[in-house]
Amino acid sequence: MSKSIFYHAGCTVCISAEHDVIELIGKDNVEIVHFGDDKSRIDEAVKAGVKSVPALVTPKGNVLHINFGASMADVIG
């Protein structure tokens, strides 16, 4: 993985964190995954270790859970 991946579910906490992440590391350095737009990426996030969103997975595979918007159980439904 060459970019960080920012996973979120679209809540206000997630959108605010998305804007901050883009401002901090740059739009070209992060892929944004909104589960409302692409549910097919949920399993990928869970396998990467994402427990709640918003979360940032670094190129080295570290999962950074940012604030708390929703658990993955809530996202999965």
C-alpha atoms as a PDB file:
ATOM      1  CA  MET A   1       0.000   0.000   0.000  1.00  0.00           C
ATOM      2  CA  SER A   2       1.524   3.317  -1.038  1.00  0.00           C
ATOM      3  CA  LYS A   3      -1.166   5.643   0.363  1.00  0.00           C
ATOM      4  CA  SER A   4      -2.967   5.855   3.650  1.00  0.00           C
ATOM      5  CA  ILE A   5      -6.632   4.847   3.532  1.00  0.00           C
ATOM      6  CA  PHE A   6      -9.204   6.847   5.484  1.00  0.00           C
ATOM      7  CA  TYR A   7     -12.363   4.862   6.203  1.00  0.00           C
ATOM      8  CA  HIS A   8     -15.558   6.532   7.346  1.00  0.00           C
ATOM      9  CA  ALA A   9     -19.334   6.237   7.437  1.00  0.00           C
ATOM     10  CA  GLY A  10     -20.359   9.793   6.637  1.00  0.00           C
ATOM     11  CA  CYS A  11     -21.342  11.061  10.081  1.00  0.00           C
ATOM     12  CA  THR A  12     -20.400  14.585  11.142  1.00  0.00           C
ATOM     13  CA  VAL A  13     -17.456  13.292  13.209  1.00  0.00           C
ATOM     14  CA  CYS A  14     -16.188  11.374  10.173  1.00  0.00           C
ATOM     15  CA  ILE A  15     -16.578  14.273   7.731  1.00  0.00           C
ATOM     16  CA  SER A  16     -14.774  16.649  10.075  1.00  0.00           C
ATOM     17  CA  ALA A  17     -11.930  14.134  10.523  1.00  0.00           C
ATOM     18  CA  GLU A  18     -11.758  13.592   6.743  1.00  0.00           C
ATOM     19  CA  HIS A  19     -11.193  17.303   6.172  1.00  0.00           C
ATOM     20  CA  ASP A  20      -8.501  17.413   8.867  1.00  0.00           C
ATOM     21  CA  VAL A  21      -6.698  14.331   7.503  1.00  0.00           C
ATOM     22  CA  ILE A  22      -6.660  15.763   3.990  1.00  0.00           C
ATOM     23  CA  GLU A  23      -5.353  19.078   5.312  1.00  0.00           C
ATOM     24  CA  LEU A  24      -2.649  17.346   7.369  1.00  0.00           C
ATOM     25  CA  ILE A  25      -1.297  14.783   4.908  1.00  0.00           C
ATOM     26  CA  GLY A  26      -2.570  16.014   1.552  1.00  0.00           C
ATOM     27  CA  LYS A  27      -5.248  14.738  -0.804  1.00  0.00           C
ATOM     28  CA  ASP A  28      -2.685  12.913  -2.966  1.00  0.00           C
ATOM     29  CA  ASN A  29      -1.461  10.895   0.024  1.00  0.00           C
ATOM     30  CA  VAL A  30      -4.775   9.452   1.185  1.00  0.00           C
ATOM     31  CA  GLU A  31      -7.560   7.396  -0.336  1.00  0.00           C
ATOM     32  CA  ILE A  32     -10.985   8.216   1.093  1.00  0.00           C
ATOM     33  CA  VAL A  33     -13.417   5.322   1.525  1.00  0.00           C
ATOM     34  CA  HIS A  34     -16.987   6.261   2.491  1.00  0.00           C
ATOM     35  CA  PHE A  35     -18.909   3.105   3.400  1.00  0.00           C
ATOM     36  CA  GLY A  36     -22.189   4.727   2.399  1.00  0.00           C
ATOM     37  CA  ASP A  37     -20.808   4.994  -1.137  1.00  0.00           C
ATOM     38  CA  ASP A  38     -18.910   1.689  -1.222  1.00  0.00           C
ATOM     39  CA  LYS A  39     -20.064  -1.034   1.172  1.00  0.00           C
ATOM     40  CA  SER A  40     -17.849  -3.549  -0.641  1.00  0.00           C
ATOM     41  CA  ARG A  41     -14.823  -2.106   1.189  1.00  0.00           C
ATOM     42  CA  ILE A  42     -16.138  -2.956   4.698  1.00  0.00           C
ATOM     43  CA  ASP A  43     -14.524  -6.430   4.795  1.00  0.00           C
ATOM     44  CA  GLU A  44     -11.216  -4.924   3.667  1.00  0.00           C
ATOM     45  CA  ALA A  45     -11.331  -2.436   6.550  1.00  0.00           C
ATOM     46  CA  VAL A  46     -12.199  -5.104   9.104  1.00  0.00           C
ATOM     47  CA  LYS A  47      -9.338  -7.318   7.859  1.00  0.00           C
ATOM     48  CA  ALA A  48      -6.981  -4.331   8.188  1.00  0.00           C
ATOM     49  CA  GLY A  49      -7.960  -4.016  11.866  1.00  0.00           C
ATOM     50  CA  VAL A  50     -10.427  -1.136  11.755  1.00  0.00           C
ATOM     51  CA  LYS A  51     -12.670  -1.374  14.862  1.00  0.00           C
ATOM     52  CA  SER A  52     -14.482   1.945  14.513  1.00  0.00           C
ATOM     53  CA  VAL A  53     -14.710   4.840  12.115  1.00  0.00           C
ATOM     54  CA  PRO A  54     -13.299   7.266  11.337  1.00  0.00           C
ATOM     55  CA  ALA A  55     -10.007   5.420  11.018  1.00  0.00           C
ATOM     56  CA  LEU A  56      -6.820   5.895   9.049  1.00  0.00           C
ATOM     57  CA  VAL A  57      -4.771   2.903   7.899  1.00  0.00           C
ATOM     58  CA  THR A  58      -1.184   3.924   7.197  1.00  0.00           C
ATOM     59  CA  PRO A  59       0.928   2.551   4.334  1.00  0.00           C
ATOM     60  CA  LYS A  60       2.695   0.304   6.880  1.00  0.00           C
ATOM     61  CA  GLY A  61      -0.646  -1.140   8.024  1.00  0.00           C
ATOM     62  CA  ASN A  62      -1.028   0.707  11.309  1.00  0.00           C
ATOM     63  CA  VAL A  63      -4.643   1.548  12.163  1.00  0.00           C
ATOM     64  CA  LEU A  64      -5.208   4.963  13.697  1.00  0.00           C
ATOM     65  CA  HIS A  65      -8.680   5.249  15.196  1.00  0.00           C
ATOM     66  CA  ILE A  66      -9.657   8.913  15.159  1.00  0.00           C
ATOM     67  CA  ASN A  67     -12.258  10.095  17.657  1.00  0.00           C
ATOM     68  CA  PHE A  68     -15.339   7.856  17.588  1.00  0.00           C
ATOM     69  CA  GLY A  69     -18.138   8.073  15.083  1.00  0.00           C
ATOM     70  CA  ALA A  70     -19.415   4.471  14.862  1.00  0.00           C
ATOM     71  CA  SER A  71     -18.257   0.949  15.630  1.00  0.00           C
ATOM     72  CA  MET A  72     -17.767  -1.403  12.711  1.00  0.00           C
ATOM     73  CA  ALA A  73     -20.668  -3.466  14.112  1.00  0.00           C
ATOM     74  CA  ASP A  74     -22.892  -0.419  13.585  1.00  0.00           C
ATOM     75  CA  VAL A  75     -21.481   0.104  10.075  1.00  0.00           C
ATOM     76  CA  ILE A  76     -22.053  -3.521   9.129  1.00  0.00           C
ATOM     77  CA  GLY A  77     -25.591  -3.315  10.527  1.00  0.00           C
END
